[in-house]
């Protein structure tokens, strides 16, 4: 018997059992199925609108992740509609207090029991006595029941939700998730995330949780006092589907001022499938960068802005050494590169001097300041451990190499950000003095050289003299948002939070 020969009520029953996103293609196979699926299509569209982009910031309390779990316990199909999930509730206390949605107390009544019954039917929590998840329910119960107090998200609640989401593509973990790492007493949740991602993945028809996850978004503020250890996201990096990492305030250093563990941590053999990595306000030295790049052999886009952190951490920064490590591990693959400075307390140890280690590079964005140090090959360095070889002439801004000599022939677009103060004038003149000639004979693919100046247009003459385009950054945002890539980062992640935003 043909499917369409079935009585309408039987066909409707089959449609009811169709998985959420399979319904769309099934309903469009023919007019008969479409007519029969009219009510299911309406319900499907309603659930899709409500749950496709989900946040835990929609009640009159902070971090209402239990409310999402409760919704799934009432209607399990909801879990299939969540494609984007934000668990970092960034509302101010004032915004929360004015929220008209009266918060339901999930620590009373039937809510917790329904959530527990649901989770006990998942393979990850079914054996509640197993060592992998021992005490998981007790940790969920530890989430504060107060509707008004500020508190961090309990990792148990986050992990419980992640075990239910087969179609999740974009994830923003909760604030302070970086504490879920070795040495912080939260290894339980590391092991459960590892169990989630260790299953066969990359199959789009898979119903396993997290197997379609493509993008991780930041879960920390920008700030001098903020540090995020990347060990907490290493388990996610094993997913074959994960392609994009956007992060803020990541620290990875081997520094006498710092007592945090090295970035490599417990995952020395990890090899991720990430192709795009963007670190805003990072504090990473060449050792930390090398440890990270060993895990990312597929990288094609790397963008980074540097910020010194509390305690003299990366007081000086070495973009010359940074670029050397990048070229060693992914130079032949990178097609986009950005290196800029948010805030630096000290000096540029070694400045950039060549991009020939990036033969595939098409787009480059840099702050002029990353050239303001002697090149590695000079043997000189600035900063706390400054050195000048005997009889050498000390480096000056006039010694910056010519940009036209630094670039590889495949380059198509270059953006230079400058405040154009007195030392910047000398540096910019040295940098661009031969770019016009090199574009005629060597850099024939270079279609755009943009000089972006902070607040004023006094660099117009030098831009015109060298066939460059001048852009004036007169945006009300601070100077560290002048780089084009930072503004795009801000847009993609839904806004970059600044330290102390709730004070």
Protein backbone atom coordinates (compact mmCIF):
# COMPACT_ATOMS: atom_id res chain seq x y z
CA UNK A 1 0.00 0.00 0.00
CA UNK A 2 1.25 3.49 -0.88
CA UNK A 3 1.75 5.91 1.99
CA UNK A 4 -0.77 8.33 0.49
CA UNK A 5 -3.40 5.58 0.36
CA UNK A 6 -3.54 5.50 4.16
CA UNK A 7 -6.55 7.06 5.88
CA UNK A 8 -5.94 10.70 6.84
CA UNK A 9 -5.98 9.92 10.57
CA UNK A 10 -3.19 7.32 10.14
CA UNK A 11 -1.15 9.67 7.96
CA UNK A 12 -1.61 12.39 10.59
CA UNK A 13 -0.36 9.97 13.24
CA UNK A 14 2.78 9.26 11.20
CA UNK A 15 3.35 13.00 10.82
CA UNK A 16 3.02 13.39 14.61
CA UNK A 17 5.92 10.96 15.04
CA UNK A 18 8.15 12.76 12.54
CA UNK A 19 11.20 14.46 14.06
CA UNK A 20 10.88 18.22 14.28
CA UNK A 21 13.16 19.27 11.41
CA UNK A 22 12.30 16.27 9.24
CA UNK A 23 8.72 17.54 9.26
CA UNK A 24 9.63 20.46 7.00
CA UNK A 25 10.95 18.29 4.16
CA UNK A 26 8.26 15.62 4.63
CA UNK A 27 5.41 18.17 4.55
CA UNK A 28 6.72 19.60 1.28
CA UNK A 29 6.81 16.26 -0.56
CA UNK A 30 3.28 16.69 -1.90
CA UNK A 31 0.03 18.59 -1.41
CA UNK A 32 -1.71 15.72 0.34
CA UNK A 33 0.90 15.49 3.09
CA UNK A 34 1.05 19.28 3.38
CA UNK A 35 -2.72 19.56 3.88
CA UNK A 36 -2.72 16.73 6.39
CA UNK A 37 0.20 18.28 8.32
CA UNK A 38 -1.38 21.73 8.63
CA UNK A 39 -1.74 21.66 12.44
CA UNK A 40 1.68 20.06 12.95
CA UNK A 41 3.30 22.72 10.73
CA UNK A 42 1.72 25.50 12.79
CA UNK A 43 3.02 23.91 16.00
CA UNK A 44 6.45 23.35 14.45
CA UNK A 45 6.73 26.99 13.39
CA UNK A 46 5.62 28.18 16.83
CA UNK A 47 8.21 26.04 18.65
CA UNK A 48 10.90 27.09 16.20
CA UNK A 49 10.22 30.79 16.80
CA UNK A 50 10.17 30.35 20.56
CA UNK A 51 13.16 28.06 21.07
CA UNK A 52 15.62 28.33 18.15
CA UNK A 53 17.53 31.10 19.97
CA UNK A 54 17.29 30.34 23.68
CA UNK A 55 18.62 32.27 26.67
CA UNK A 56 18.44 31.77 30.42
CA UNK A 57 17.90 35.53 30.86
CA UNK A 58 14.15 35.88 30.47
CA UNK A 59 12.72 35.85 33.99
CA UNK A 60 12.96 38.16 36.99
CA UNK A 61 15.97 36.29 38.34
CA UNK A 62 19.50 35.68 37.12
CA UNK A 63 20.60 32.47 35.35
CA UNK A 64 17.22 30.79 35.01
CA UNK A 65 18.59 27.65 33.34
CA UNK A 66 16.33 25.41 35.41
CA UNK A 67 13.39 26.98 33.61
CA UNK A 68 14.72 25.64 30.29
CA UNK A 69 15.16 22.17 31.79
CA UNK A 70 11.62 22.33 33.15
CA UNK A 71 10.22 23.32 29.75
CA UNK A 72 11.93 20.29 28.18
CA UNK A 73 10.64 17.99 30.93
CA UNK A 74 7.11 19.13 30.08
CA UNK A 75 7.56 18.90 26.31
CA UNK A 76 10.68 16.89 25.34
CA UNK A 77 10.51 17.95 21.68
CA UNK A 78 11.58 21.47 22.78
CA UNK A 79 15.18 20.19 23.07
CA UNK A 80 15.26 19.52 19.32
CA UNK A 81 14.52 23.14 18.48
CA UNK A 82 17.35 24.77 20.44
CA UNK A 83 20.09 25.72 17.96
CA UNK A 84 21.57 28.74 19.75
CA UNK A 85 21.94 28.81 23.53
CA UNK A 86 23.20 31.64 25.74
CA UNK A 87 23.81 30.79 29.40
CA UNK A 88 25.56 34.03 30.33
CA UNK A 89 22.91 36.29 31.83
CA UNK A 90 24.43 39.74 31.27
CA UNK A 91 21.52 41.84 32.52
CA UNK A 92 22.18 44.38 35.22
CA UNK A 93 20.52 43.99 38.63
CA UNK A 94 18.25 46.89 37.68
CA UNK A 95 17.15 45.19 34.48
CA UNK A 96 16.36 41.99 36.37
CA UNK A 97 14.37 43.78 39.08
CA UNK A 98 12.28 45.53 36.43
CA UNK A 99 11.55 42.28 34.53
CA UNK A 100 7.79 41.82 34.48
CA UNK A 101 8.05 38.03 34.14
CA UNK A 102 7.31 36.75 37.60
CA UNK A 103 9.96 34.09 38.39
CA UNK A 104 8.73 30.61 39.18
CA UNK A 105 10.49 28.96 42.12
CA UNK A 106 11.83 25.74 40.62
CA UNK A 107 12.88 24.54 44.08
CA UNK A 108 9.26 24.04 45.10
CA UNK A 109 6.37 21.98 43.82
CA UNK A 110 6.66 19.45 41.02
CA UNK A 111 9.30 21.21 38.90
CA UNK A 112 12.43 19.64 40.40
CA UNK A 113 10.86 16.19 40.45
CA UNK A 114 9.91 16.41 36.78
CA UNK A 115 13.43 17.57 35.88
CA UNK A 116 14.97 14.74 37.90
CA UNK A 117 12.68 12.12 36.35
CA UNK A 118 13.60 13.36 32.88
CA UNK A 119 17.34 13.35 33.50
CA UNK A 120 17.25 9.85 35.00
CA UNK A 121 16.10 8.60 31.60
CA UNK A 122 19.19 9.95 29.82
CA UNK A 123 22.17 7.66 29.39
CA UNK A 124 24.46 10.18 31.05
CA UNK A 125 22.57 10.34 34.35
CA UNK A 126 20.73 7.01 34.41
CA UNK A 127 23.29 5.38 36.69
CA UNK A 128 23.12 7.94 39.47
CA UNK A 129 25.46 5.84 41.62
CA UNK A 130 28.16 5.67 38.96
CA UNK A 131 31.46 7.39 39.72
CA UNK A 132 31.25 9.54 36.59
CA UNK A 133 28.18 11.43 37.85
CA UNK A 134 28.17 10.74 41.56
CA UNK A 135 26.46 13.56 43.44
CA UNK A 136 25.12 15.27 40.31
CA UNK A 137 21.61 15.81 41.69
CA UNK A 138 22.90 17.19 44.97
CA UNK A 139 24.90 19.77 43.01
CA UNK A 140 21.84 20.80 41.04
CA UNK A 141 20.00 21.31 44.32
CA UNK A 142 22.78 23.63 45.47
CA UNK A 143 21.72 26.29 42.96
CA UNK A 144 20.42 29.15 45.13
CA UNK A 145 16.65 29.39 45.29
CA UNK A 146 16.65 33.15 45.86
CA UNK A 147 14.94 35.23 43.21
CA UNK A 148 17.07 38.31 43.85
CA UNK A 149 20.62 37.31 44.89
CA UNK A 150 23.47 37.39 42.38
CA UNK A 151 25.08 33.97 41.95
CA UNK A 152 27.16 32.06 39.40
CA UNK A 153 25.64 29.30 37.33
CA UNK A 154 26.01 25.85 38.85
CA UNK A 155 27.99 23.65 36.39
CA UNK A 156 25.66 20.73 37.14
CA UNK A 157 22.66 22.61 35.72
CA UNK A 158 24.57 23.61 32.58
CA UNK A 159 25.86 20.11 31.89
CA UNK A 160 22.43 18.58 32.51
CA UNK A 161 20.97 20.85 29.83
CA UNK A 162 23.76 20.16 27.33
CA UNK A 163 23.11 16.40 27.52
CA UNK A 164 19.67 17.02 25.99
CA UNK A 165 20.47 19.17 22.95
CA UNK A 166 21.10 17.28 19.67
CA UNK A 167 20.79 20.28 17.32
CA UNK A 168 22.76 22.90 19.22
CA UNK A 169 25.04 24.89 16.88
CA UNK A 170 26.04 27.96 18.90
CA UNK A 171 26.82 27.93 22.62
CA UNK A 172 27.63 30.65 25.13
CA UNK A 173 28.70 29.02 28.37
CA UNK A 174 27.87 30.65 31.72
CA UNK A 175 30.03 33.17 33.51
CA UNK A 176 32.89 31.56 35.49
CA UNK A 177 32.68 28.35 33.45
CA UNK A 178 36.49 28.54 33.31
CA UNK A 179 36.50 27.11 36.85
CA UNK A 180 35.40 23.78 35.35
CA UNK A 181 38.94 22.50 34.99
CA UNK A 182 41.56 20.41 36.70
CA UNK A 183 42.62 21.82 40.06
CA UNK A 184 39.34 23.59 40.82
CA UNK A 185 37.48 20.60 42.28
CA UNK A 186 35.08 20.39 39.34
CA UNK A 187 36.68 17.50 37.44
CA UNK A 188 33.35 15.64 37.57
CA UNK A 189 31.89 17.93 34.93
CA UNK A 190 35.02 17.77 32.77
CA UNK A 191 34.63 14.00 32.59
CA UNK A 192 30.96 14.22 31.67
CA UNK A 193 31.62 16.76 28.89
CA UNK A 194 34.40 14.47 27.64
CA UNK A 195 31.92 11.60 27.59
CA UNK A 196 29.48 13.72 25.58
CA UNK A 197 31.97 14.73 22.91
CA UNK A 198 33.80 11.41 22.70
CA UNK A 199 30.87 9.74 20.94
CA UNK A 200 31.06 9.35 17.13
CA UNK A 201 30.32 12.82 15.81
CA UNK A 202 30.00 14.93 12.72
CA UNK A 203 26.94 13.07 11.39
CA UNK A 204 24.18 15.61 10.83
CA UNK A 205 21.49 12.99 11.27
CA UNK A 206 22.83 12.12 14.70
CA UNK A 207 20.53 12.62 17.68
CA UNK A 208 23.41 12.69 20.12
CA UNK A 209 23.91 15.90 22.10
CA UNK A 210 26.40 18.54 20.92
CA UNK A 211 27.26 16.71 17.71
CA UNK A 212 26.34 19.72 15.54
CA UNK A 213 28.01 22.36 17.72
CA UNK A 214 29.88 24.80 15.46
CA UNK A 215 30.56 27.94 17.50
CA UNK A 216 31.61 28.81 21.06
CA UNK A 217 31.00 32.40 22.23
CA UNK A 218 32.70 34.31 25.09
CA UNK A 219 31.61 33.91 28.70
CA UNK A 220 33.79 36.57 30.36
CA UNK A 221 34.21 40.32 30.49
CA UNK A 222 36.95 42.47 29.03
CA UNK A 223 39.10 43.81 31.85
CA UNK A 224 42.41 44.19 33.63
CA UNK A 225 41.26 41.87 36.45
CA UNK A 226 39.54 39.20 34.33
CA UNK A 227 41.32 35.94 33.44
CA UNK A 228 39.93 32.92 31.65
CA UNK A 229 41.82 29.64 31.50
CA UNK A 230 41.15 27.79 28.25
CA UNK A 231 41.40 24.37 29.88
CA UNK A 232 37.67 24.65 30.56
CA UNK A 233 36.79 24.55 26.84
CA UNK A 234 39.35 21.95 25.76
CA UNK A 235 36.83 19.07 25.94
CA UNK A 236 34.56 20.87 23.47
CA UNK A 237 37.47 21.32 21.07
CA UNK A 238 37.47 17.57 20.37
CA UNK A 239 34.16 17.91 18.49
CA UNK A 240 34.60 17.47 14.75
CA UNK A 241 31.78 19.93 14.13
CA UNK A 242 33.36 22.79 16.11
CA UNK A 243 34.77 25.40 13.73
CA UNK A 244 34.65 28.80 15.47
CA UNK A 245 35.99 29.96 18.82
CA UNK A 246 35.33 33.50 20.04
CA UNK A 247 36.84 34.21 23.45
CA UNK A 248 37.54 37.15 25.77
CA UNK A 249 40.22 37.69 28.45
CA UNK A 250 41.99 34.37 27.89
CA UNK A 251 45.29 34.01 29.75
CA UNK A 252 47.96 31.55 28.63
CA UNK A 253 51.45 32.42 29.77
CA UNK A 254 54.66 31.02 31.14
CA UNK A 255 55.54 33.97 33.32
CA UNK A 256 57.32 34.57 36.59
CA UNK A 257 54.49 36.86 37.66
CA UNK A 258 51.78 34.26 37.21
CA UNK A 259 50.87 31.12 39.14
CA UNK A 260 48.21 29.81 36.77
CA UNK A 261 48.78 26.44 35.10
CA UNK A 262 50.10 26.37 31.53
CA UNK A 263 47.58 26.34 28.73
CA UNK A 264 48.41 22.84 27.50
CA UNK A 265 47.05 21.35 30.73
CA UNK A 266 45.84 17.75 30.60
CA UNK A 267 45.21 17.62 26.82
CA UNK A 268 48.64 17.35 25.14
CA UNK A 269 47.32 15.12 22.32
CA UNK A 270 44.15 17.07 21.54
CA UNK A 271 43.70 17.95 17.85
CA UNK A 272 40.71 20.14 17.09
CA UNK A 273 38.93 20.98 13.83
CA UNK A 274 38.74 24.72 14.59
CA UNK A 275 39.25 26.92 11.54
CA UNK A 276 38.52 30.34 13.10
CA UNK A 277 39.89 31.59 16.44
CA UNK A 278 39.38 35.14 17.70
CA UNK A 279 40.78 36.21 21.10
CA UNK A 280 39.72 39.68 22.28
CA UNK A 281 41.65 41.24 25.17
CA UNK A 282 43.83 38.16 25.50
CA UNK A 283 46.97 37.84 27.58
CA UNK A 284 48.96 35.16 25.75
CA UNK A 285 52.70 34.80 25.35
CA UNK A 286 54.61 32.76 22.78
CA UNK A 287 54.65 29.66 25.03
CA UNK A 288 50.89 29.75 25.57
CA UNK A 289 50.28 30.40 21.89
CA UNK A 290 52.46 27.46 20.87
CA UNK A 291 50.62 25.13 23.25
CA UNK A 292 47.30 26.22 21.75
CA UNK A 293 48.37 26.06 18.11
CA UNK A 294 49.58 22.49 18.58
CA UNK A 295 45.89 21.64 19.12
CA UNK A 296 44.54 23.53 16.08
CA UNK A 297 46.09 22.13 12.89
CA UNK A 298 43.18 23.27 10.68
CA UNK A 299 43.31 26.98 11.57
CA UNK A 300 42.81 29.45 8.70
CA UNK A 301 41.69 32.60 10.57
CA UNK A 302 43.43 33.99 13.66
CA UNK A 303 42.64 37.35 15.28
CA UNK A 304 44.02 38.61 18.56
CA UNK A 305 44.08 41.76 20.68
CA UNK A 306 46.44 42.01 23.64
CA UNK A 307 45.74 43.28 27.14
CA UNK A 308 48.13 43.31 30.11
CA UNK A 309 46.54 41.80 33.23
CA UNK A 310 46.70 42.43 36.96
CA UNK A 311 49.92 41.55 38.72
CA UNK A 312 52.25 42.57 35.89
CA UNK A 313 51.09 39.68 33.73
CA UNK A 314 52.42 40.26 30.21
CA UNK A 315 53.51 43.77 31.19
CA UNK A 316 55.52 43.64 27.96
CA UNK A 317 54.30 41.83 24.85
CA UNK A 318 56.22 40.29 21.96
CA UNK A 319 54.24 40.45 18.68
CA UNK A 320 57.40 39.59 16.72
CA UNK A 321 57.74 36.29 18.58
CA UNK A 322 53.96 35.83 18.37
CA UNK A 323 54.00 36.04 14.57
CA UNK A 324 56.99 33.71 14.39
CA UNK A 325 55.10 31.00 16.31
CA UNK A 326 52.00 31.56 14.16
CA UNK A 327 54.00 31.14 10.96
CA UNK A 328 55.61 27.96 12.27
CA UNK A 329 52.34 26.20 13.07
CA UNK A 330 49.77 27.61 10.65
CA UNK A 331 51.58 30.07 8.38
CA UNK A 332 50.88 28.14 5.19
CA UNK A 333 47.14 27.96 5.94
CA UNK A 334 46.22 31.35 7.41
CA UNK A 335 44.17 33.51 5.06
CA UNK A 336 43.13 36.15 7.64
CA UNK A 337 45.29 37.57 10.44
CA UNK A 338 44.74 40.41 12.92
CA UNK A 339 47.14 41.51 15.69
CA UNK A 340 46.11 44.57 17.70
CA UNK A 341 46.55 46.04 21.18
CA UNK A 342 43.79 46.83 23.67
CA UNK A 343 46.07 47.89 26.51
CA UNK A 344 49.73 47.31 27.28
CA UNK A 345 51.46 48.52 30.43
CA UNK A 346 55.02 48.14 29.18
CA UNK A 347 56.85 47.84 25.87
CA UNK A 348 56.73 45.91 22.63
CA UNK A 349 59.61 43.47 23.13
CA UNK A 350 60.07 42.73 19.41
CA UNK A 351 58.04 44.28 16.64
CA UNK A 352 56.64 42.68 13.50
CA UNK A 353 59.12 42.65 10.64
CA UNK A 354 57.90 40.12 8.04
CA UNK A 355 54.78 38.31 6.83
CA UNK A 356 56.57 36.08 4.34
CA UNK A 357 55.83 33.17 6.65
CA UNK A 358 52.16 33.56 5.62
CA UNK A 359 52.17 32.90 1.85
CA UNK A 360 48.38 32.28 1.67
CA UNK A 361 47.44 35.40 3.65
CA UNK A 362 44.78 37.54 1.96
CA UNK A 363 43.66 39.92 4.72
CA UNK A 364 45.82 41.55 7.39
CA UNK A 365 44.83 43.99 10.11
CA UNK A 366 47.37 45.41 12.56
CA UNK A 367 47.79 48.29 14.95
CA UNK A 368 50.76 50.46 14.11
CA UNK A 369 52.02 49.86 17.63
CA UNK A 370 52.85 46.19 16.96
CA UNK A 371 55.78 47.38 14.80
CA UNK A 372 57.18 49.58 17.60
CA UNK A 373 60.00 47.34 18.71
CA UNK A 374 63.23 45.96 17.25
CA UNK A 375 62.79 42.95 14.93
CA UNK A 376 63.70 39.52 16.26
CA UNK A 377 66.56 39.18 13.81
CA UNK A 378 68.25 42.29 15.25
CA UNK A 379 69.09 40.56 18.52
CA UNK A 380 67.72 43.58 20.37
CA UNK A 381 64.68 43.67 22.65
CA UNK A 382 62.78 46.19 24.74
CA UNK A 383 60.93 45.82 28.03
CA UNK A 384 61.88 44.63 31.50
CA UNK A 385 64.57 42.37 30.05
CA UNK A 386 65.78 44.76 27.37
CA UNK A 387 69.04 44.01 25.61
CA UNK A 388 71.23 45.61 22.95
CA UNK A 389 74.21 43.68 21.59
CA UNK A 390 77.55 45.37 22.12
CA UNK A 391 78.35 48.11 19.58
CA UNK A 392 74.79 47.97 18.13
CA UNK A 393 72.92 51.17 17.47
CA UNK A 394 69.69 51.25 19.53
CA UNK A 395 66.50 50.69 17.53
CA UNK A 396 64.26 53.71 16.77
CA UNK A 397 60.87 54.15 15.09
CA UNK A 398 62.63 55.18 11.89
CA UNK A 399 64.03 51.63 11.67
CA UNK A 400 60.62 50.02 11.09
CA UNK A 401 60.87 47.90 7.90
CA UNK A 402 58.87 48.89 4.82
CA UNK A 403 55.45 47.25 4.63
CA UNK A 404 55.89 46.59 0.92
CA UNK A 405 58.91 44.40 1.69
CA UNK A 406 57.13 42.53 4.51
CA UNK A 407 54.10 41.26 2.61
CA UNK A 408 53.73 38.07 0.58
CA UNK A 409 52.34 38.35 -3.00
CA UNK A 410 48.90 36.86 -2.24
CA UNK A 411 47.83 39.69 0.07
CA UNK A 412 44.62 41.47 -1.00
CA UNK A 413 43.72 43.80 1.86
CA UNK A 414 45.71 45.55 4.61
CA UNK A 415 44.33 47.68 7.45
CA UNK A 416 46.59 49.83 9.66
CA UNK A 417 45.19 51.40 12.83
CA UNK A 418 46.95 54.44 14.32
CA UNK A 419 46.46 57.31 16.77
CA UNK A 420 49.02 59.28 14.67
CA UNK A 421 50.78 60.89 17.59
CA UNK A 422 54.36 62.09 17.04
CA UNK A 423 56.08 58.70 17.31
CA UNK A 424 53.28 57.17 15.23
CA UNK A 425 53.91 59.69 12.45
CA UNK A 426 57.53 58.59 12.17
CA UNK A 427 56.53 54.92 12.29
CA UNK A 428 53.78 55.25 9.69
CA UNK A 429 56.04 57.11 7.28
CA UNK A 430 58.68 54.39 7.58
CA UNK A 431 56.09 51.65 7.19
CA UNK A 432 54.30 52.79 4.04
CA UNK A 433 57.08 54.59 2.18
CA UNK A 434 57.42 51.94 -0.56
CA UNK A 435 53.94 50.43 -0.59
CA UNK A 436 52.91 52.36 -3.73
CA UNK A 437 55.85 51.07 -5.79
CA UNK A 438 55.51 47.48 -4.51
CA UNK A 439 51.81 47.38 -5.47
CA UNK A 440 52.81 48.00 -9.09
CA UNK A 441 55.36 45.23 -9.50
CA UNK A 442 55.15 42.70 -6.63
CA UNK A 443 51.91 43.06 -4.69
CA UNK A 444 49.62 43.03 -7.70
CA UNK A 445 46.70 41.45 -5.80
CA UNK A 446 46.72 44.15 -3.11
CA UNK A 447 43.55 46.10 -3.86
CA UNK A 448 43.05 47.93 -0.56
CA UNK A 449 45.37 49.57 1.98
CA UNK A 450 43.39 51.34 4.69
CA UNK A 451 44.95 53.70 7.24
CA UNK A 452 42.44 54.07 10.07
CA UNK A 453 43.11 57.05 12.35
CA UNK A 454 41.65 57.68 15.79
CA UNK A 455 39.21 60.66 15.96
CA UNK A 456 40.92 62.99 13.44
CA UNK A 457 42.09 62.96 9.81
CA UNK A 458 45.55 64.48 10.10
CA UNK A 459 47.11 61.45 8.36
CA UNK A 460 45.30 62.33 5.12
CA UNK A 461 48.40 63.69 3.37
CA UNK A 462 50.52 60.59 3.95
CA UNK A 463 47.60 58.33 2.95
CA UNK A 464 47.12 60.19 -0.34
CA UNK A 465 50.84 60.25 -1.09
CA UNK A 466 51.00 56.46 -0.93
CA UNK A 467 47.64 55.60 -2.57
CA UNK A 468 46.12 54.48 0.71
CA UNK A 469 42.55 55.05 1.89
CA UNK A 470 42.12 57.08 5.08
CA UNK A 471 39.31 56.19 7.48
CA UNK A 472 38.64 58.27 10.59
CA UNK A 473 37.39 56.36 13.61
CA UNK A 474 35.09 58.87 15.33
CA UNK A 475 32.85 56.24 16.88
CA UNK A 476 31.84 56.94 20.52
CA UNK A 477 33.28 53.57 21.50
CA UNK A 478 36.79 53.47 23.05
CA UNK A 479 39.98 53.33 20.98
CA UNK A 480 40.40 49.58 21.47
CA UNK A 481 37.28 49.15 19.32
CA UNK A 482 38.91 50.97 16.38
CA UNK A 483 40.09 47.77 14.61
CA UNK A 484 37.52 46.57 12.10
CA UNK A 485 37.81 42.99 13.33
CA UNK A 486 36.99 44.02 16.93
CA UNK A 487 33.77 45.72 15.84
CA UNK A 488 32.80 42.65 13.83
CA UNK A 489 33.66 40.48 16.86
CA UNK A 490 31.42 42.71 18.99
CA UNK A 491 28.56 42.21 16.53
CA UNK A 492 28.96 38.44 16.25
CA UNK A 493 29.10 37.79 19.99
CA UNK A 494 26.26 40.15 20.84
CA UNK A 495 28.35 42.84 22.52
CA UNK A 496 31.65 42.84 24.39
CA UNK A 497 31.10 43.29 28.12
CA UNK A 498 33.44 45.58 30.05
CA UNK A 499 34.58 44.74 33.56
CA UNK A 500 32.37 46.21 36.25
CA UNK A 501 29.30 46.63 34.04
CA UNK A 502 26.91 45.79 36.87
CA UNK A 503 28.34 48.21 39.43
